[in-house]
Amino acid sequence: MEWGFKSLQAHHFTPEEIKMIVALLAGYLFALDNREFFDTVAEQVGTYDWHQIECREATPGLPALVLETPTGKRLVCNKLK
């Protein structure tokens, strides 16, 4: 077998392979973009629990899981304690 550029052949990906590559890339980019969140979860998972609270408006600047209503309100209904 001859080695070099002549031995390289173009690989044609099947649609299934392309879908898998796109899914893996999207998952990687999602994890990379949300690394701070995942690091915080890892730190707090054994220490804190989610508790339901009476829904209230979210405080700007504080990290929170918010529900956006059709009227544009941003509500917080759960809290870590």
C-alpha atoms as a PDB file:
ATOM      1  CA  MET A   1       0.000   0.000   0.000  1.00  0.00           C
ATOM      2  CA  GLU A   2       1.328   3.397  -0.917  1.00  0.00           C
ATOM      3  CA  TRP A   3       1.265   6.119   1.752  1.00  0.00           C
ATOM      4  CA  GLY A   4       0.848   9.788   1.007  1.00  0.00           C
ATOM      5  CA  PHE A   5      -1.676  12.091  -0.528  1.00  0.00           C
ATOM      6  CA  LYS A   6      -2.457   9.638  -3.300  1.00  0.00           C
ATOM      7  CA  SER A   7      -3.705   7.100  -0.766  1.00  0.00           C
ATOM      8  CA  LEU A   8      -6.138   9.521   0.852  1.00  0.00           C
ATOM      9  CA  GLN A   9      -9.657   9.165  -0.407  1.00  0.00           C
ATOM     10  CA  ALA A  10     -12.529  11.526   0.301  1.00  0.00           C
ATOM     11  CA  HIS A  11     -14.881  10.073   2.879  1.00  0.00           C
ATOM     12  CA  HIS A  12     -18.515  10.650   2.093  1.00  0.00           C
ATOM     13  CA  PHE A  13     -20.564  10.795   5.278  1.00  0.00           C
ATOM     14  CA  THR A  14     -23.975   9.179   5.356  1.00  0.00           C
ATOM     15  CA  PRO A  15     -26.928  11.262   6.572  1.00  0.00           C
ATOM     16  CA  GLU A  16     -26.903   9.269   9.833  1.00  0.00           C
ATOM     17  CA  GLU A  17     -23.214  10.048  10.393  1.00  0.00           C
ATOM     18  CA  ILE A  18     -23.823  13.730   9.715  1.00  0.00           C
ATOM     19  CA  LYS A  19     -26.717  13.775  12.210  1.00  0.00           C
ATOM     20  CA  MET A  20     -24.507  12.100  14.837  1.00  0.00           C
ATOM     21  CA  ILE A  21     -21.671  14.581  14.279  1.00  0.00           C
ATOM     22  CA  VAL A  22     -24.070  17.534  14.517  1.00  0.00           C
ATOM     23  CA  ALA A  23     -25.674  16.120  17.692  1.00  0.00           C
ATOM     24  CA  LEU A  24     -22.288  15.564  19.346  1.00  0.00           C
ATOM     25  CA  LEU A  25     -21.090  19.030  18.377  1.00  0.00           C
ATOM     26  CA  ALA A  26     -24.307  20.637  19.656  1.00  0.00           C
ATOM     27  CA  GLY A  27     -24.032  18.739  22.951  1.00  0.00           C
ATOM     28  CA  TYR A  28     -20.416  19.786  23.372  1.00  0.00           C
ATOM     29  CA  LEU A  29     -21.195  23.440  22.650  1.00  0.00           C
ATOM     30  CA  PHE A  30     -24.184  23.357  25.049  1.00  0.00           C
ATOM     31  CA  ALA A  31     -22.034  21.944  27.862  1.00  0.00           C
ATOM     32  CA  LEU A  32     -19.242  24.412  27.130  1.00  0.00           C
ATOM     33  CA  ASP A  33     -21.628  27.387  27.093  1.00  0.00           C
ATOM     34  CA  ASN A  34     -23.311  26.283  30.349  1.00  0.00           C
ATOM     35  CA  ARG A  35     -20.187  25.218  32.228  1.00  0.00           C
ATOM     36  CA  GLU A  36     -20.726  27.731  35.058  1.00  0.00           C
ATOM     37  CA  PHE A  37     -24.213  26.316  35.657  1.00  0.00           C
ATOM     38  CA  PHE A  38     -22.990  22.707  35.706  1.00  0.00           C
ATOM     39  CA  ASP A  39     -20.108  23.597  38.062  1.00  0.00           C
ATOM     40  CA  THR A  40     -22.544  25.338  40.436  1.00  0.00           C
ATOM     41  CA  VAL A  41     -24.917  22.351  40.361  1.00  0.00           C
ATOM     42  CA  ALA A  42     -22.043  19.996  41.174  1.00  0.00           C
ATOM     43  CA  GLU A  43     -21.091  22.112  44.197  1.00  0.00           C
ATOM     44  CA  GLN A  44     -24.622  22.503  45.538  1.00  0.00           C
ATOM     45  CA  VAL A  45     -26.191  19.121  44.799  1.00  0.00           C
ATOM     46  CA  GLY A  46     -25.369  17.625  48.205  1.00  0.00           C
ATOM     47  CA  THR A  47     -25.958  20.779  50.241  1.00  0.00           C
ATOM     48  CA  TYR A  48     -29.162  22.351  48.960  1.00  0.00           C
ATOM     49  CA  ASP A  49     -32.670  21.245  47.982  1.00  0.00           C
ATOM     50  CA  TRP A  50     -35.296  22.949  45.855  1.00  0.00           C
ATOM     51  CA  HIS A  51     -38.316  24.278  47.775  1.00  0.00           C
ATOM     52  CA  GLN A  52     -41.470  25.637  46.224  1.00  0.00           C
ATOM     53  CA  ILE A  53     -42.262  29.223  47.206  1.00  0.00           C
ATOM     54  CA  GLU A  54     -45.115  31.556  46.413  1.00  0.00           C
ATOM     55  CA  CYS A  55     -44.397  32.844  42.919  1.00  0.00           C
ATOM     56  CA  ARG A  56     -42.887  36.321  42.900  1.00  0.00           C
ATOM     57  CA  GLU A  57     -41.133  38.575  40.405  1.00  0.00           C
ATOM     58  CA  ALA A  58     -37.524  37.641  39.741  1.00  0.00           C
ATOM     59  CA  THR A  59     -34.836  39.926  41.129  1.00  0.00           C
ATOM     60  CA  PRO A  60     -32.770  41.386  38.261  1.00  0.00           C
ATOM     61  CA  GLY A  61     -29.120  40.323  38.388  1.00  0.00           C
ATOM     62  CA  LEU A  62     -29.691  37.231  40.542  1.00  0.00           C
ATOM     63  CA  PRO A  63     -29.383  33.847  38.860  1.00  0.00           C
ATOM     64  CA  ALA A  64     -32.731  32.080  38.850  1.00  0.00           C
ATOM     65  CA  LEU A  65     -34.936  29.654  36.991  1.00  0.00           C
ATOM     66  CA  VAL A  66     -37.665  31.980  35.780  1.00  0.00           C
ATOM     67  CA  LEU A  67     -41.052  31.481  34.207  1.00  0.00           C
ATOM     68  CA  GLU A  68     -41.937  34.081  31.624  1.00  0.00           C
ATOM     69  CA  THR A  69     -45.657  34.760  31.454  1.00  0.00           C
ATOM     70  CA  PRO A  70     -47.472  35.755  28.256  1.00  0.00           C
ATOM     71  CA  THR A  71     -47.682  39.297  29.684  1.00  0.00           C
ATOM     72  CA  GLY A  72     -43.879  39.511  30.000  1.00  0.00           C
ATOM     73  CA  LYS A  73     -43.558  39.013  33.768  1.00  0.00           C
ATOM     74  CA  ARG A  74     -40.573  36.983  34.956  1.00  0.00           C
ATOM     75  CA  LEU A  75     -41.575  34.855  37.964  1.00  0.00           C
ATOM     76  CA  VAL A  76     -39.599  32.710  40.407  1.00  0.00           C
ATOM     77  CA  CYS A  77     -41.532  29.840  42.011  1.00  0.00           C
ATOM     78  CA  ASN A  78     -38.726  27.712  43.499  1.00  0.00           C
ATOM     79  CA  LYS A  79     -35.737  28.469  45.721  1.00  0.00           C
ATOM     80  CA  LEU A  80     -32.652  26.606  46.882  1.00  0.00           C
ATOM     81  CA  LYS A  81     -32.454  26.227  50.659  1.00  0.00           C
END
